[in-house]
Amino acid sequence: MSMLQPDNVMKSLSDDTASIEKKKKRKKVLFWSVITVIAMTIIFGNYGAYQMVVIKRQKMSLENEIVQLKKDQAQLIKNRERIKNDLTYIEKVAREKYSMVKPGEHVYQVIPKDKETKK
């Protein structure tokens, strides 16, 4: 049988230690890679945190728009009812919006001077 030389034993131990260190390093790299992929998926995935924030902002914007549209609708309904029933309102709208006049009335328009002629 052959005896192991002290130099061979030391070399074998240092090779084993280096091999163990390399394995530990690979495990660390693999662990942090997996953690990074999971974190990126949680944050930026289809149902990730960032996407949820964007969706909540859109929801709030749409809810505000709905409230404004309901106010506009109520105003339009009010105007419709006034046009159906209020003769003075009908006359006001006809005069202001459609420049209508009663028979025998004269319309005078005031034309402001141009800013250029003032100088």
Protein backbone atom coordinates (compact mmCIF):
# COMPACT_ATOMS: atom_id res chain seq x y z
CA MET A 1 0.00 0.00 0.00
CA SER A 2 1.09 3.43 -0.66
CA MET A 3 1.32 6.08 1.91
CA LEU A 4 0.03 9.51 1.29
CA GLN A 5 2.67 12.10 1.24
CA PRO A 6 2.09 15.18 3.43
CA ASP A 7 2.28 17.39 0.36
CA ASN A 8 -0.39 15.33 -1.39
CA VAL A 9 -2.66 15.49 1.68
CA MET A 10 -2.37 19.27 1.90
CA LYS A 11 -3.01 19.66 -1.81
CA SER A 12 -6.06 17.41 -1.58
CA LEU A 13 -7.42 19.39 1.39
CA SER A 14 -6.93 22.72 -0.34
CA ASP A 15 -8.67 21.41 -3.49
CA ASP A 16 -11.61 20.21 -1.37
CA THR A 17 -11.80 23.57 0.41
CA ALA A 18 -11.73 25.45 -2.90
CA SER A 19 -14.42 23.17 -4.28
CA ILE A 20 -16.63 23.77 -1.21
CA GLU A 21 -16.12 27.55 -1.51
CA LYS A 22 -17.09 27.46 -5.19
CA LYS A 23 -20.25 25.52 -4.34
CA LYS A 24 -21.15 28.00 -1.60
CA LYS A 25 -20.59 30.90 -3.98
CA ARG A 26 -22.78 29.27 -6.66
CA LYS A 27 -25.54 28.68 -4.10
CA LYS A 28 -25.40 32.35 -3.04
CA VAL A 29 -25.58 33.54 -6.63
CA LEU A 30 -28.46 31.18 -7.36
CA PHE A 31 -30.31 32.24 -4.19
CA TRP A 32 -30.03 35.97 -4.97
CA SER A 33 -30.95 35.40 -8.60
CA VAL A 34 -34.14 33.60 -7.56
CA ILE A 35 -34.94 36.34 -5.01
CA THR A 36 -34.41 39.02 -7.67
CA VAL A 37 -36.67 37.26 -10.18
CA ILE A 38 -39.40 36.82 -7.54
CA ALA A 39 -39.14 40.48 -6.49
CA MET A 40 -39.31 41.70 -10.08
CA THR A 41 -42.36 39.52 -10.71
CA ILE A 42 -44.11 40.83 -7.59
CA ILE A 43 -43.37 44.46 -8.45
CA PHE A 44 -43.68 44.54 -12.24
CA GLY A 45 -45.75 41.46 -13.12
CA ASN A 46 -49.28 41.51 -14.56
CA TYR A 47 -50.78 41.73 -11.09
CA GLY A 48 -47.77 43.35 -9.44
CA ALA A 49 -47.67 46.26 -7.05
CA TYR A 50 -46.86 48.81 -9.75
CA GLN A 51 -49.76 47.62 -11.92
CA MET A 52 -52.11 47.85 -8.93
CA VAL A 53 -51.10 51.46 -8.29
CA VAL A 54 -51.71 52.33 -11.95
CA ILE A 55 -55.12 50.64 -11.87
CA LYS A 56 -56.12 52.45 -8.66
CA ARG A 57 -55.20 55.81 -10.23
CA GLN A 58 -57.27 54.99 -13.30
CA LYS A 59 -60.19 53.95 -11.11
CA MET A 60 -60.07 57.22 -9.14
CA SER A 61 -59.88 59.23 -12.37
CA LEU A 62 -62.87 57.38 -13.83
CA GLU A 63 -64.87 57.80 -10.62
CA ASN A 64 -64.20 61.57 -10.69
CA GLU A 65 -65.26 61.67 -14.33
CA ILE A 66 -68.48 59.82 -13.48
CA VAL A 67 -69.28 62.34 -10.74
CA GLN A 68 -68.71 65.25 -13.15
CA LEU A 69 -70.82 63.60 -15.86
CA LYS A 70 -73.66 63.06 -13.39
CA LYS A 71 -73.52 66.77 -12.45
CA ASP A 72 -73.62 67.70 -16.14
CA GLN A 73 -76.51 65.35 -16.72
CA ALA A 74 -78.49 66.85 -13.83
CA GLN A 75 -77.88 70.36 -15.22
CA LEU A 76 -79.03 69.27 -18.69
CA ILE A 77 -82.17 67.70 -17.26
CA LYS A 78 -82.87 70.91 -15.34
CA ASN A 79 -82.39 72.98 -18.50
CA ARG A 80 -84.64 70.64 -20.47
CA GLU A 81 -87.40 71.04 -17.90
CA ARG A 82 -87.00 74.83 -17.92
CA ILE A 83 -87.22 74.88 -21.71
CA LYS A 84 -90.41 72.79 -21.57
CA ASN A 85 -92.14 74.95 -18.96
CA ASP A 86 -90.53 78.40 -18.48
CA LEU A 87 -91.41 80.91 -21.20
CA THR A 88 -89.02 83.58 -19.92
CA TYR A 89 -86.14 81.10 -20.02
CA ILE A 90 -87.10 80.12 -23.58
CA GLU A 91 -87.09 83.80 -24.56
CA LYS A 92 -83.72 84.36 -22.89
CA VAL A 93 -82.15 81.39 -24.70
CA ALA A 94 -83.66 82.48 -28.02
CA ARG A 95 -82.29 86.01 -27.64
CA GLU A 96 -78.82 85.10 -26.34
CA LYS A 97 -78.02 81.92 -28.20
CA TYR A 98 -79.89 82.40 -31.46
CA SER A 99 -79.92 86.25 -31.68
CA MET A 100 -83.68 86.31 -32.13
CA VAL A 101 -85.76 89.50 -31.67
CA LYS A 102 -89.44 90.26 -31.22
CA PRO A 103 -91.29 91.89 -34.09
CA GLY A 104 -90.72 95.63 -34.04
CA GLU A 105 -87.53 95.48 -31.96
CA HIS A 106 -84.25 96.87 -33.21
CA VAL A 107 -80.89 95.33 -32.39
CA TYR A 108 -77.91 97.55 -31.84
CA GLN A 109 -74.44 96.09 -31.74
CA VAL A 110 -71.60 97.86 -30.01
CA ILE A 111 -68.34 97.26 -31.81
CA PRO A 112 -65.26 97.95 -29.69
CA LYS A 113 -62.39 99.88 -31.22
CA ASP A 114 -59.43 97.82 -32.32
CA LYS A 115 -56.44 97.86 -30.04
CA GLU A 116 -54.26 98.91 -32.96
CA THR A 117 -56.23 102.10 -33.61
CA LYS A 118 -55.86 103.16 -29.94
CA LYS A 119 -52.08 103.30 -30.26
